[in-house]
C-alpha atoms as a PDB file:
ATOM      1  CA  MET A   1    -169.491 -38.813 -37.256  1.00  0.00           C
ATOM      2  CA  ILE A   2    -172.942 -37.442 -37.610  1.00  0.00           C
ATOM      3  CA  THR A   3    -175.764 -39.584 -36.541  1.00  0.00           C
ATOM      4  CA  VAL A   4    -179.390 -39.134 -37.834  1.00  0.00           C
ATOM      5  CA  GLU A   5    -182.161 -41.074 -36.223  1.00  0.00           C
ATOM      6  CA  PHE A   6    -185.631 -40.804 -37.561  1.00  0.00           C
ATOM      7  CA  PHE A   7    -188.227 -41.961 -34.929  1.00  0.00           C
ATOM      8  CA  SER A   8    -191.157 -43.933 -36.135  1.00  0.00           C
ATOM      9  CA  GLN A   9    -194.464 -45.118 -34.419  1.00  0.00           C
ATOM     10  CA  ASP A  10    -197.274 -46.962 -35.875  1.00  0.00           C
ATOM     11  CA  GLY A  11    -196.040 -46.528 -39.761  1.00  0.00           C
ATOM     12  CA  ARG A  12    -195.486 -42.500 -39.302  1.00  0.00           C
ATOM     13  CA  ARG A  13    -192.417 -40.453 -38.578  1.00  0.00           C
ATOM     14  CA  THR A  14    -192.654 -38.837 -35.221  1.00  0.00           C
ATOM     15  CA  GLY A  15    -189.420 -36.852 -35.276  1.00  0.00           C
ATOM     16  CA  PHE A  16    -185.613 -37.004 -35.374  1.00  0.00           C
ATOM     17  CA  ARG A  17    -182.362 -36.644 -33.626  1.00  0.00           C
ATOM     18  CA  VAL A  18    -179.238 -35.314 -35.138  1.00  0.00           C
ATOM     19  CA  SER A  19    -176.051 -35.557 -33.136  1.00  0.00           C
ATOM     20  CA  GLY A  20    -172.273 -35.354 -33.467  1.00  0.00           C
ATOM     21  CA  HIS A  21    -169.729 -33.775 -35.621  1.00  0.00           C
ATOM     22  CA  SER A  22    -168.607 -35.449 -39.023  1.00  0.00           C
ATOM     23  CA  GLY A  23    -165.010 -35.035 -38.687  1.00  0.00           C
ATOM     24  CA  TYR A  24    -164.571 -34.180 -42.454  1.00  0.00           C
ATOM     25  CA  ALA A  25    -162.631 -30.951 -41.837  1.00  0.00           C
ATOM     26  CA  GLU A  26    -162.070 -28.420 -39.043  1.00  0.00           C
ATOM     27  CA  ALA A  27    -164.990 -26.315 -37.574  1.00  0.00           C
ATOM     28  CA  GLY A  28    -165.879 -23.751 -40.035  1.00  0.00           C
ATOM     29  CA  ALA A  29    -164.567 -25.394 -43.031  1.00  0.00           C
ATOM     30  CA  ASP A  30    -166.602 -28.870 -42.778  1.00  0.00           C
ATOM     31  CA  ILE A  31    -169.148 -28.829 -45.601  1.00  0.00           C
ATOM     32  CA  VAL A  32    -170.661 -32.216 -44.431  1.00  0.00           C
ATOM     33  CA  CYS A  33    -171.577 -30.446 -41.127  1.00  0.00           C
ATOM     34  CA  ALA A  34    -172.665 -27.439 -43.142  1.00  0.00           C
ATOM     35  CA  ALA A  35    -174.935 -29.679 -45.757  1.00  0.00           C
ATOM     36  CA  VAL A  36    -176.553 -31.470 -42.858  1.00  0.00           C
ATOM     37  CA  THR A  37    -177.036 -28.492 -40.777  1.00  0.00           C
ATOM     38  CA  ALA A  38    -178.783 -26.840 -43.927  1.00  0.00           C
ATOM     39  CA  VAL A  39    -181.027 -29.722 -44.310  1.00  0.00           C
ATOM     40  CA  VAL A  40    -182.117 -29.950 -40.578  1.00  0.00           C
ATOM     41  CA  ARG A  41    -182.918 -26.135 -40.482  1.00  0.00           C
ATOM     42  CA  PHE A  42    -184.707 -26.178 -43.572  1.00  0.00           C
ATOM     43  CA  ALA A  43    -186.948 -29.186 -42.228  1.00  0.00           C
ATOM     44  CA  GLU A  44    -187.451 -27.384 -39.071  1.00  0.00           C
ATOM     45  CA  ALA A  45    -188.424 -24.101 -40.399  1.00  0.00           C
ATOM     46  CA  THR A  46    -190.734 -25.788 -43.126  1.00  0.00           C
ATOM     47  CA  LEU A  47    -192.534 -27.880 -40.258  1.00  0.00           C
ATOM     48  CA  ASN A  48    -192.768 -25.144 -37.710  1.00  0.00           C
ATOM     49  CA  ASP A  49    -192.541 -21.590 -39.560  1.00  0.00           C
ATOM     50  CA  ILE A  50    -194.787 -22.615 -42.748  1.00  0.00           C
ATOM     51  CA  LEU A  51    -196.881 -25.571 -41.833  1.00  0.00           C
ATOM     52  CA  GLY A  52    -197.405 -24.303 -38.131  1.00  0.00           C
ATOM     53  CA  VAL A  53    -197.016 -27.768 -36.790  1.00  0.00           C
ATOM     54  CA  GLY A  54    -195.720 -26.682 -33.290  1.00  0.00           C
ATOM     55  CA  ALA A  55    -193.084 -29.405 -33.118  1.00  0.00           C
ATOM     56  CA  LYS A  56    -190.967 -29.411 -29.993  1.00  0.00           C
ATOM     57  CA  THR A  57    -187.450 -28.787 -30.959  1.00  0.00           C
ATOM     58  CA  ARG A  58    -184.389 -29.416 -28.405  1.00  0.00           C
ATOM     59  CA  VAL A  59    -181.027 -28.046 -29.306  1.00  0.00           C
ATOM     60  CA  ASP A  60    -177.997 -29.067 -27.195  1.00  0.00           C
ATOM     61  CA  ASP A  61    -175.326 -27.052 -28.415  1.00  0.00           C
ATOM     62  CA  GLU A  62    -172.724 -28.587 -25.999  1.00  0.00           C
ATOM     63  CA  ASN A  63    -173.241 -32.264 -27.319  1.00  0.00           C
ATOM     64  CA  ALA A  64    -173.845 -31.011 -30.818  1.00  0.00           C
ATOM     65  CA  GLU A  65    -177.528 -32.587 -30.803  1.00  0.00           C
ATOM     66  CA  ILE A  66    -180.895 -31.383 -32.099  1.00  0.00           C
ATOM     67  CA  THR A  67    -183.951 -33.317 -31.615  1.00  0.00           C
ATOM     68  CA  LEU A  68    -187.556 -32.391 -33.005  1.00  0.00           C
ATOM     69  CA  THR A  69    -190.419 -34.286 -32.011  1.00  0.00           C
ATOM     70  CA  LEU A  70    -194.083 -33.757 -33.666  1.00  0.00           C
ATOM     71  CA  PRO A  71    -197.032 -33.237 -31.420  1.00  0.00           C
ATOM     72  CA  ALA A  72    -199.610 -35.777 -31.197  1.00  0.00           C
ATOM     73  CA  LYS A  73    -202.229 -33.958 -33.484  1.00  0.00           C
ATOM     74  CA  TYR A  74    -201.506 -31.708 -36.341  1.00  0.00           C
ATOM     75  CA  GLU A  75    -203.086 -30.403 -39.694  1.00  0.00           C
ATOM     76  CA  ASP A  76    -201.882 -32.045 -43.091  1.00  0.00           C
ATOM     77  CA  GLU A  77    -200.245 -35.327 -41.979  1.00  0.00           C
ATOM     78  CA  ASP A  78    -199.344 -36.083 -45.534  1.00  0.00           C
ATOM     79  CA  THR A  79    -197.476 -32.839 -45.909  1.00  0.00           C
ATOM     80  CA  VAL A  80    -195.455 -33.295 -42.798  1.00  0.00           C
ATOM     81  CA  GLN A  81    -194.558 -36.721 -43.368  1.00  0.00           C
ATOM     82  CA  THR A  82    -193.510 -35.761 -47.113  1.00  0.00           C
ATOM     83  CA  VAL A  83    -191.161 -33.114 -45.443  1.00  0.00           C
ATOM     84  CA  LEU A  84    -189.763 -35.530 -43.257  1.00  0.00           C
ATOM     85  CA  ASP A  85    -189.325 -38.283 -46.334  1.00  0.00           C
ATOM     86  CA  GLY A  86    -187.524 -35.691 -48.183  1.00  0.00           C
ATOM     87  CA  MET A  87    -185.245 -34.802 -45.483  1.00  0.00           C
ATOM     88  CA  MET A  88    -184.418 -38.573 -45.014  1.00  0.00           C
ATOM     89  CA  LEU A  89    -183.795 -39.027 -48.585  1.00  0.00           C
ATOM     90  CA  THR A  90    -181.606 -36.037 -48.763  1.00  0.00           C
ATOM     91  CA  LEU A  91    -179.493 -37.112 -45.630  1.00  0.00           C
ATOM     92  CA  ALA A  92    -179.426 -40.566 -47.097  1.00  0.00           C
ATOM     93  CA  SER A  93    -177.884 -39.225 -50.405  1.00  0.00           C
ATOM     94  CA  LEU A  94    -175.206 -37.151 -48.291  1.00  0.00           C
ATOM     95  CA  ARG A  95    -174.590 -40.529 -46.275  1.00  0.00           C
ATOM     96  CA  ASP A  96    -174.070 -42.422 -49.690  1.00  0.00           C
ATOM     97  CA  GLU A  97    -171.718 -39.657 -50.800  1.00  0.00           C
ATOM     98  CA  ASN A  98    -169.743 -39.390 -47.452  1.00  0.00           C
ATOM     99  CA  PRO A  99    -170.353 -42.743 -45.788  1.00  0.00           C
ATOM    100  CA  ASP A 100    -167.092 -42.314 -43.250  1.00  0.00           C
ATOM    101  CA  TYR A 101    -168.984 -39.219 -41.866  1.00  0.00           C
ATOM    102  CA  ILE A 102    -172.847 -39.679 -41.613  1.00  0.00           C
ATOM    103  CA  GLU A 103    -175.160 -42.396 -40.529  1.00  0.00           C
ATOM    104  CA  VAL A 104    -178.641 -42.417 -41.166  1.00  0.00           C
ATOM    105  CA  MET A 105    -181.403 -44.822 -39.343  1.00  0.00           C
ATOM    106  CA  GLU A 106    -184.778 -45.332 -38.420  1.00  0.00           C
ATOM    107  CA  VAL A 107    -185.517 -46.306 -34.894  1.00  0.00           C
END
């Protein structure tokens, strides 16, 4: 199962961690993993490459985990939070369609 955790502090999202494999199908044919990967890559690229937030990203291929942590200060808080809101809604929709393969939570 893929586990998605959104981190919050003082009413704002501060990052996320996505870990695990869905188990929907074999590697290379797993459309659930592919969908989650696309959403995560989109959010990370939007935050860092387009908005220039400078979020710290750590990838652990061995444990199938990616963690993104926002810096303490950055420009355009509303836009950054909107990107994370969109990511969360998209992953929650995928979870609703595939409840045995994805878990989404706020911590």
